[in-house]
């Protein structure tokens, strides 16, 4: 989780991962996933782009203190520059960021985001997700995690894992419903480790999985930055 948090918690260092391969054209294209919430609101899920930095910052600034704490383990007001840089560069075998948007007055408004990062490739990747306070309990967390799981599996990872605060009961319930195993964390009782082997998922995968498929076809792209 080191690369998915804005501070170093000294649990373990990310190990170097192997070359990330994919098609730049695919990653820059408008591959996306769109669906509607129960009230008819259209939500679009896509990978982050290099010019999404300010959208991400505005999203984080708009989160409640509790939501920021649950995601970053401290109430971060905004993303540090190095983390923002990581989140705006994607490579399926290294790190991926997914963003969820709605349209409001002709512009994109970000309402959720999720990431995974190799630790190391291909053995495992860490994941994290956060949903805007006004959009929680709408199934967005489930949708983003499903997309991450499908992407990670197609990219060649063997399992996906995540650190969750023990007080975050809603997230722990979601993990159980999605088939993640929950175990005691090596760093103490305030954290829970969620883990899932990346076998064939029991749900329909997002069209975004095509981004990882391009990587597995053997095209090359630059490795995403990793601190």
C-alpha atoms as a PDB file:
ATOM      1  CA  UNK A   1       0.000   0.000   0.000  1.00  0.00           C
ATOM      2  CA  UNK A   2       3.068   2.292   0.179  1.00  0.00           C
ATOM      3  CA  UNK A   3       2.473   3.794  -3.271  1.00  0.00           C
ATOM      4  CA  UNK A   4      -1.253   4.230  -2.623  1.00  0.00           C
ATOM      5  CA  UNK A   5      -0.789   6.303   0.533  1.00  0.00           C
ATOM      6  CA  UNK A   6       0.573   9.855   0.855  1.00  0.00           C
ATOM      7  CA  UNK A   7       2.836   8.994   3.801  1.00  0.00           C
ATOM      8  CA  UNK A   8       5.359   6.233   4.478  1.00  0.00           C
ATOM      9  CA  UNK A   9       4.086   3.862   7.158  1.00  0.00           C
ATOM     10  CA  UNK A  10       7.237   1.679   7.060  1.00  0.00           C
ATOM     11  CA  UNK A  11       5.271  -1.564   6.736  1.00  0.00           C
ATOM     12  CA  UNK A  12       7.276  -2.738   3.735  1.00  0.00           C
ATOM     13  CA  UNK A  13       8.838  -1.228   0.679  1.00  0.00           C
ATOM     14  CA  UNK A  14       7.442  -1.765  -2.791  1.00  0.00           C
ATOM     15  CA  UNK A  15       9.721  -4.146  -4.642  1.00  0.00           C
ATOM     16  CA  UNK A  16      10.725  -3.348  -8.243  1.00  0.00           C
ATOM     17  CA  UNK A  17       8.320  -4.846 -10.729  1.00  0.00           C
ATOM     18  CA  UNK A  18       9.097  -6.149 -14.144  1.00  0.00           C
ATOM     19  CA  UNK A  19       8.668  -4.320 -17.428  1.00  0.00           C
ATOM     20  CA  UNK A  20       5.155  -3.087 -18.037  1.00  0.00           C
ATOM     21  CA  UNK A  21       3.875  -3.724 -21.483  1.00  0.00           C
ATOM     22  CA  UNK A  22       0.855  -2.305 -23.192  1.00  0.00           C
ATOM     23  CA  UNK A  23      -0.180  -0.127 -26.071  1.00  0.00           C
ATOM     24  CA  UNK A  24       0.080   3.646 -25.567  1.00  0.00           C
ATOM     25  CA  UNK A  25      -2.627   4.085 -28.166  1.00  0.00           C
ATOM     26  CA  UNK A  26      -4.954   1.901 -26.155  1.00  0.00           C
ATOM     27  CA  UNK A  27      -4.229   3.721 -22.900  1.00  0.00           C
ATOM     28  CA  UNK A  28      -4.809   7.110 -24.523  1.00  0.00           C
ATOM     29  CA  UNK A  29      -7.977   6.058 -26.269  1.00  0.00           C
ATOM     30  CA  UNK A  30     -11.468   6.610 -24.915  1.00  0.00           C
ATOM     31  CA  UNK A  31     -12.059   3.086 -23.657  1.00  0.00           C
ATOM     32  CA  UNK A  32     -14.622   3.507 -20.915  1.00  0.00           C
ATOM     33  CA  UNK A  33     -17.502   1.892 -19.059  1.00  0.00           C
ATOM     34  CA  UNK A  34     -20.851   3.647 -18.607  1.00  0.00           C
ATOM     35  CA  UNK A  35     -23.862   2.663 -16.525  1.00  0.00           C
ATOM     36  CA  UNK A  36     -26.773   4.294 -14.684  1.00  0.00           C
ATOM     37  CA  UNK A  37     -27.468   4.534 -10.994  1.00  0.00           C
ATOM     38  CA  UNK A  38     -30.918   3.740  -9.570  1.00  0.00           C
ATOM     39  CA  UNK A  39     -32.017   7.360 -10.024  1.00  0.00           C
ATOM     40  CA  UNK A  40     -30.964   7.366 -13.684  1.00  0.00           C
ATOM     41  CA  UNK A  41     -27.697   9.293 -13.226  1.00  0.00           C
ATOM     42  CA  UNK A  42     -25.160   8.245 -15.875  1.00  0.00           C
ATOM     43  CA  UNK A  43     -21.709   7.348 -14.515  1.00  0.00           C
ATOM     44  CA  UNK A  44     -18.633   6.947 -16.711  1.00  0.00           C
ATOM     45  CA  UNK A  45     -15.630   4.950 -15.567  1.00  0.00           C
ATOM     46  CA  UNK A  46     -12.309   5.456 -17.346  1.00  0.00           C
ATOM     47  CA  UNK A  47      -8.584   5.337 -16.673  1.00  0.00           C
ATOM     48  CA  UNK A  48      -6.845   8.458 -15.387  1.00  0.00           C
ATOM     49  CA  UNK A  49      -5.093  10.741 -17.860  1.00  0.00           C
ATOM     50  CA  UNK A  50      -2.090  12.995 -17.408  1.00  0.00           C
ATOM     51  CA  UNK A  51      -4.321  16.086 -17.380  1.00  0.00           C
ATOM     52  CA  UNK A  52      -6.624  14.777 -14.614  1.00  0.00           C
ATOM     53  CA  UNK A  53      -4.514  16.110 -11.751  1.00  0.00           C
ATOM     54  CA  UNK A  54      -6.701  19.063 -10.807  1.00  0.00           C
ATOM     55  CA  UNK A  55      -9.863  16.950 -11.051  1.00  0.00           C
ATOM     56  CA  UNK A  56      -8.333  14.510  -8.554  1.00  0.00           C
ATOM     57  CA  UNK A  57      -7.277  17.300  -6.221  1.00  0.00           C
ATOM     58  CA  UNK A  58     -10.744  18.866  -6.292  1.00  0.00           C
ATOM     59  CA  UNK A  59     -12.262  15.460  -5.533  1.00  0.00           C
ATOM     60  CA  UNK A  60      -9.978  14.833  -2.536  1.00  0.00           C
ATOM     61  CA  UNK A  61     -10.554  18.353  -1.173  1.00  0.00           C
ATOM     62  CA  UNK A  62     -14.305  17.728  -1.306  1.00  0.00           C
ATOM     63  CA  UNK A  63     -14.191  14.516   0.731  1.00  0.00           C
ATOM     64  CA  UNK A  64     -15.236  14.539   4.362  1.00  0.00           C
ATOM     65  CA  UNK A  65     -12.508  14.103   6.947  1.00  0.00           C
ATOM     66  CA  UNK A  66     -13.777  10.580   7.660  1.00  0.00           C
ATOM     67  CA  UNK A  67     -13.634   9.556   3.985  1.00  0.00           C
ATOM     68  CA  UNK A  68     -10.121  10.965   3.600  1.00  0.00           C
ATOM     69  CA  UNK A  69      -9.020   9.137   6.742  1.00  0.00           C
ATOM     70  CA  UNK A  70     -10.507   5.840   5.587  1.00  0.00           C
ATOM     71  CA  UNK A  71      -8.733   6.122   2.233  1.00  0.00           C
ATOM     72  CA  UNK A  72      -5.373   7.641   3.173  1.00  0.00           C
ATOM     73  CA  UNK A  73      -5.170   6.667   6.879  1.00  0.00           C
ATOM     74  CA  UNK A  74      -4.866  10.325   7.810  1.00  0.00           C
ATOM     75  CA  UNK A  75      -7.088  13.287   6.850  1.00  0.00           C
ATOM     76  CA  UNK A  76      -5.098  14.420   3.793  1.00  0.00           C
ATOM     77  CA  UNK A  77      -6.429  17.662   2.356  1.00  0.00           C
ATOM     78  CA  UNK A  78      -4.975  16.960  -1.091  1.00  0.00           C
ATOM     79  CA  UNK A  79      -2.621  14.563  -2.865  1.00  0.00           C
ATOM     80  CA  UNK A  80       1.134  15.193  -2.605  1.00  0.00           C
ATOM     81  CA  UNK A  81       2.787  15.945  -5.992  1.00  0.00           C
ATOM     82  CA  UNK A  82       4.569  12.569  -6.261  1.00  0.00           C
ATOM     83  CA  UNK A  83       1.381  10.654  -5.552  1.00  0.00           C
ATOM     84  CA  UNK A  84      -0.566  12.777  -8.014  1.00  0.00           C
ATOM     85  CA  UNK A  85       2.034  12.020 -10.674  1.00  0.00           C
ATOM     86  CA  UNK A  86       1.738   8.280  -9.998  1.00  0.00           C
ATOM     87  CA  UNK A  87      -2.033   8.400 -10.184  1.00  0.00           C
ATOM     88  CA  UNK A  88      -2.046  10.126 -13.591  1.00  0.00           C
ATOM     89  CA  UNK A  89       0.235   7.579 -15.314  1.00  0.00           C
ATOM     90  CA  UNK A  90      -1.023   4.066 -16.032  1.00  0.00           C
ATOM     91  CA  UNK A  91       0.649   0.778 -16.932  1.00  0.00           C
ATOM     92  CA  UNK A  92      -1.348  -2.436 -16.330  1.00  0.00           C
ATOM     93  CA  UNK A  93       1.588  -4.477 -14.967  1.00  0.00           C
ATOM     94  CA  UNK A  94       2.698  -1.645 -12.672  1.00  0.00           C
ATOM     95  CA  UNK A  95      -0.138   0.612 -11.502  1.00  0.00           C
ATOM     96  CA  UNK A  96      -3.590   1.650 -12.674  1.00  0.00           C
ATOM     97  CA  UNK A  97      -5.990   4.393 -11.600  1.00  0.00           C
ATOM     98  CA  UNK A  98      -9.694   4.359 -12.464  1.00  0.00           C
ATOM     99  CA  UNK A  99     -11.898   7.450 -12.152  1.00  0.00           C
ATOM    100  CA  UNK A 100     -15.699   7.684 -12.057  1.00  0.00           C
ATOM    101  CA  UNK A 101     -17.462  10.795 -13.384  1.00  0.00           C
ATOM    102  CA  UNK A 102     -20.873  12.287 -13.888  1.00  0.00           C
ATOM    103  CA  UNK A 103     -21.690  15.163 -16.221  1.00  0.00           C
ATOM    104  CA  UNK A 104     -22.787  18.402 -14.566  1.00  0.00           C
ATOM    105  CA  UNK A 105     -23.488  21.538 -16.593  1.00  0.00           C
ATOM    106  CA  UNK A 106     -21.456  20.193 -19.472  1.00  0.00           C
ATOM    107  CA  UNK A 107     -18.343  19.266 -17.517  1.00  0.00           C
ATOM    108  CA  UNK A 108     -16.939  16.150 -15.854  1.00  0.00           C
ATOM    109  CA  UNK A 109     -17.378  15.926 -12.092  1.00  0.00           C
ATOM    110  CA  UNK A 110     -15.328  13.223 -10.406  1.00  0.00           C
ATOM    111  CA  UNK A 111     -17.226  11.160  -7.817  1.00  0.00           C
ATOM    112  CA  UNK A 112     -14.949   8.166  -7.096  1.00  0.00           C
ATOM    113  CA  UNK A 113     -11.513   6.717  -7.777  1.00  0.00           C
ATOM    114  CA  UNK A 114      -9.637   3.468  -7.316  1.00  0.00           C
ATOM    115  CA  UNK A 115      -6.061   2.311  -7.785  1.00  0.00           C
ATOM    116  CA  UNK A 116      -3.899  -0.761  -7.763  1.00  0.00           C
ATOM    117  CA  UNK A 117      -0.100  -0.928  -7.590  1.00  0.00           C
ATOM    118  CA  UNK A 118       2.221  -3.912  -8.091  1.00  0.00           C
ATOM    119  CA  UNK A 119       3.880  -5.215  -4.922  1.00  0.00           C
ATOM    120  CA  UNK A 120       5.623  -6.953  -6.745  1.00  0.00           C
ATOM    121  CA  UNK A 121       4.497  -8.007 -10.241  1.00  0.00           C
ATOM    122  CA  UNK A 122       3.173 -10.619 -10.912  1.00  0.00           C
ATOM    123  CA  UNK A 123       2.712 -12.009  -7.407  1.00  0.00           C
ATOM    124  CA  UNK A 124       0.306  -9.414  -6.082  1.00  0.00           C
ATOM    125  CA  UNK A 125      -1.001  -5.880  -6.253  1.00  0.00           C
ATOM    126  CA  UNK A 126      -2.390  -3.579  -3.567  1.00  0.00           C
ATOM    127  CA  UNK A 127      -5.660  -1.765  -4.175  1.00  0.00           C
ATOM    128  CA  UNK A 128      -7.516   1.202  -2.701  1.00  0.00           C
ATOM    129  CA  UNK A 129     -10.861   2.868  -3.443  1.00  0.00           C
ATOM    130  CA  UNK A 130     -12.699   5.977  -2.282  1.00  0.00           C
ATOM    131  CA  UNK A 131     -16.194   7.206  -3.167  1.00  0.00           C
ATOM    132  CA  UNK A 132     -17.401  10.778  -2.711  1.00  0.00           C
ATOM    133  CA  UNK A 133     -19.602  11.199   0.363  1.00  0.00           C
ATOM    134  CA  UNK A 134     -22.720  12.163  -1.614  1.00  0.00           C
ATOM    135  CA  UNK A 135     -22.352   9.049  -3.797  1.00  0.00           C
ATOM    136  CA  UNK A 136     -21.755   6.349  -1.218  1.00  0.00           C
ATOM    137  CA  UNK A 137     -24.145   3.369  -0.960  1.00  0.00           C
ATOM    138  CA  UNK A 138     -24.846   3.565  -4.708  1.00  0.00           C
ATOM    139  CA  UNK A 139     -22.742   0.542  -5.680  1.00  0.00           C
ATOM    140  CA  UNK A 140     -19.821   2.620  -6.968  1.00  0.00           C
ATOM    141  CA  UNK A 141     -17.267   0.953  -4.699  1.00  0.00           C
ATOM    142  CA  UNK A 142     -18.363  -2.476  -5.897  1.00  0.00           C
ATOM    143  CA  UNK A 143     -18.188  -1.412  -9.532  1.00  0.00           C
ATOM    144  CA  UNK A 144     -14.707   0.062  -9.228  1.00  0.00           C
ATOM    145  CA  UNK A 145     -13.298  -2.913  -7.338  1.00  0.00           C
ATOM    146  CA  UNK A 146     -14.786  -5.311  -9.886  1.00  0.00           C
ATOM    147  CA  UNK A 147     -13.091  -3.355 -12.679  1.00  0.00           C
ATOM    148  CA  UNK A 148      -9.766  -3.333 -10.804  1.00  0.00           C
ATOM    149  CA  UNK A 149      -9.946  -7.085 -10.176  1.00  0.00           C
ATOM    150  CA  UNK A 150     -10.641  -7.780 -13.852  1.00  0.00           C
ATOM    151  CA  UNK A 151      -7.825  -5.469 -14.985  1.00  0.00           C
ATOM    152  CA  UNK A 152      -5.328  -6.945 -12.531  1.00  0.00           C
ATOM    153  CA  UNK A 153      -6.212 -10.506 -13.500  1.00  0.00           C
ATOM    154  CA  UNK A 154      -5.864  -9.758 -17.209  1.00  0.00           C
ATOM    155  CA  UNK A 155      -2.547  -7.985 -16.558  1.00  0.00           C
ATOM    156  CA  UNK A 156      -1.227 -11.214 -15.045  1.00  0.00           C
ATOM    157  CA  UNK A 157      -1.385 -10.640 -11.285  1.00  0.00           C
ATOM    158  CA  UNK A 158      -1.952 -13.675  -9.076  1.00  0.00           C
ATOM    159  CA  UNK A 159      -3.833 -11.933  -6.253  1.00  0.00           C
ATOM    160  CA  UNK A 160      -5.043  -8.533  -5.106  1.00  0.00           C
ATOM    161  CA  UNK A 161      -4.802  -7.272  -1.534  1.00  0.00           C
ATOM    162  CA  UNK A 162      -5.705  -4.183   0.452  1.00  0.00           C
ATOM    163  CA  UNK A 163      -5.234  -2.701   3.921  1.00  0.00           C
ATOM    164  CA  UNK A 164      -8.456  -1.507   5.572  1.00  0.00           C
ATOM    165  CA  UNK A 165      -8.965   0.303   8.842  1.00  0.00           C
ATOM    166  CA  UNK A 166     -10.734  -2.009  11.308  1.00  0.00           C
ATOM    167  CA  UNK A 167     -13.221   0.778  12.057  1.00  0.00           C
ATOM    168  CA  UNK A 168     -14.271   0.935   8.384  1.00  0.00           C
ATOM    169  CA  UNK A 169     -17.094  -1.557   8.796  1.00  0.00           C
ATOM    170  CA  UNK A 170     -18.802  -0.684   5.512  1.00  0.00           C
ATOM    171  CA  UNK A 171     -15.673  -1.538   3.523  1.00  0.00           C
ATOM    172  CA  UNK A 172     -15.119  -4.754   5.439  1.00  0.00           C
ATOM    173  CA  UNK A 173     -18.696  -5.848   4.695  1.00  0.00           C
ATOM    174  CA  UNK A 174     -18.167  -5.048   1.011  1.00  0.00           C
ATOM    175  CA  UNK A 175     -14.973  -7.120   0.938  1.00  0.00           C
ATOM    176  CA  UNK A 176     -16.782 -10.099   2.438  1.00  0.00           C
ATOM    177  CA  UNK A 177     -19.619  -9.829  -0.094  1.00  0.00           C
ATOM    178  CA  UNK A 178     -17.097  -9.738  -2.954  1.00  0.00           C
ATOM    179  CA  UNK A 179     -15.321 -12.882  -1.816  1.00  0.00           C
ATOM    180  CA  UNK A 180     -12.224 -11.349  -0.241  1.00  0.00           C
ATOM    181  CA  UNK A 181     -10.662 -13.114   2.703  1.00  0.00           C
ATOM    182  CA  UNK A 182     -10.156 -10.943   5.801  1.00  0.00           C
ATOM    183  CA  UNK A 183      -7.245 -11.569   8.141  1.00  0.00           C
ATOM    184  CA  UNK A 184      -5.438  -9.989  11.044  1.00  0.00           C
ATOM    185  CA  UNK A 185      -2.881  -7.443   9.893  1.00  0.00           C
ATOM    186  CA  UNK A 186       0.790  -7.808  10.784  1.00  0.00           C
ATOM    187  CA  UNK A 187       0.856  -4.161  11.925  1.00  0.00           C
ATOM    188  CA  UNK A 188      -1.753  -4.540  14.641  1.00  0.00           C
ATOM    189  CA  UNK A 189      -5.486  -4.595  15.395  1.00  0.00           C
ATOM    190  CA  UNK A 190      -6.285  -1.211  13.839  1.00  0.00           C
ATOM    191  CA  UNK A 191      -5.865  -2.714  10.357  1.00  0.00           C
ATOM    192  CA  UNK A 192      -7.372  -5.647   8.481  1.00  0.00           C
ATOM    193  CA  UNK A 193      -5.845  -7.286   5.415  1.00  0.00           C
ATOM    194  CA  UNK A 194      -8.246  -8.154   2.575  1.00  0.00           C
ATOM    195  CA  UNK A 195      -6.992 -10.620  -0.021  1.00  0.00           C
ATOM    196  CA  UNK A 196      -8.410 -12.323  -3.105  1.00  0.00           C
ATOM    197  CA  UNK A 197      -6.877 -14.812  -5.538  1.00  0.00           C
ATOM    198  CA  UNK A 198      -7.371 -13.628  -9.097  1.00  0.00           C
ATOM    199  CA  UNK A 199      -9.187 -16.572 -10.564  1.00  0.00           C
ATOM    200  CA  UNK A 200     -12.076 -16.132 -12.990  1.00  0.00           C
ATOM    201  CA  UNK A 201     -14.331 -13.463 -11.414  1.00  0.00           C
ATOM    202  CA  UNK A 202     -17.991 -14.197 -10.776  1.00  0.00           C
ATOM    203  CA  UNK A 203     -19.170 -11.060 -12.543  1.00  0.00           C
ATOM    204  CA  UNK A 204     -19.125  -9.511 -16.004  1.00  0.00           C
ATOM    205  CA  UNK A 205     -15.892  -7.619 -16.571  1.00  0.00           C
ATOM    206  CA  UNK A 206     -15.748  -3.975 -17.595  1.00  0.00           C
ATOM    207  CA  UNK A 207     -14.768  -2.993 -21.158  1.00  0.00           C
ATOM    208  CA  UNK A 208     -11.724  -1.402 -19.496  1.00  0.00           C
ATOM    209  CA  UNK A 209     -10.234  -4.895 -19.259  1.00  0.00           C
ATOM    210  CA  UNK A 210      -9.274  -4.411 -22.911  1.00  0.00           C
ATOM    211  CA  UNK A 211      -6.479  -2.116 -21.723  1.00  0.00           C
ATOM    212  CA  UNK A 212      -4.748  -4.986 -19.953  1.00  0.00           C
ATOM    213  CA  UNK A 213      -5.419  -7.334 -22.865  1.00  0.00           C
ATOM    214  CA  UNK A 214      -3.394  -4.987 -25.082  1.00  0.00           C
ATOM    215  CA  UNK A 215      -0.502  -5.331 -22.648  1.00  0.00           C
ATOM    216  CA  UNK A 216      -0.636  -9.127 -22.822  1.00  0.00           C
ATOM    217  CA  UNK A 217      -0.460  -9.063 -26.611  1.00  0.00           C
ATOM    218  CA  UNK A 218       3.146  -7.943 -26.325  1.00  0.00           C
ATOM    219  CA  UNK A 219       3.212  -4.238 -27.181  1.00  0.00           C
ATOM    220  CA  UNK A 220       5.540  -2.093 -25.078  1.00  0.00           C
ATOM    221  CA  UNK A 221       4.942   1.108 -23.154  1.00  0.00           C
ATOM    222  CA  UNK A 222       6.926   3.090 -20.564  1.00  0.00           C
ATOM    223  CA  UNK A 223       6.815   1.897 -16.953  1.00  0.00           C
ATOM    224  CA  UNK A 224       4.670   4.023 -14.660  1.00  0.00           C
ATOM    225  CA  UNK A 225       6.516   6.020 -12.006  1.00  0.00           C
ATOM    226  CA  UNK A 226       6.852   4.401  -8.585  1.00  0.00           C
ATOM    227  CA  UNK A 227       8.230   5.995  -5.424  1.00  0.00           C
END
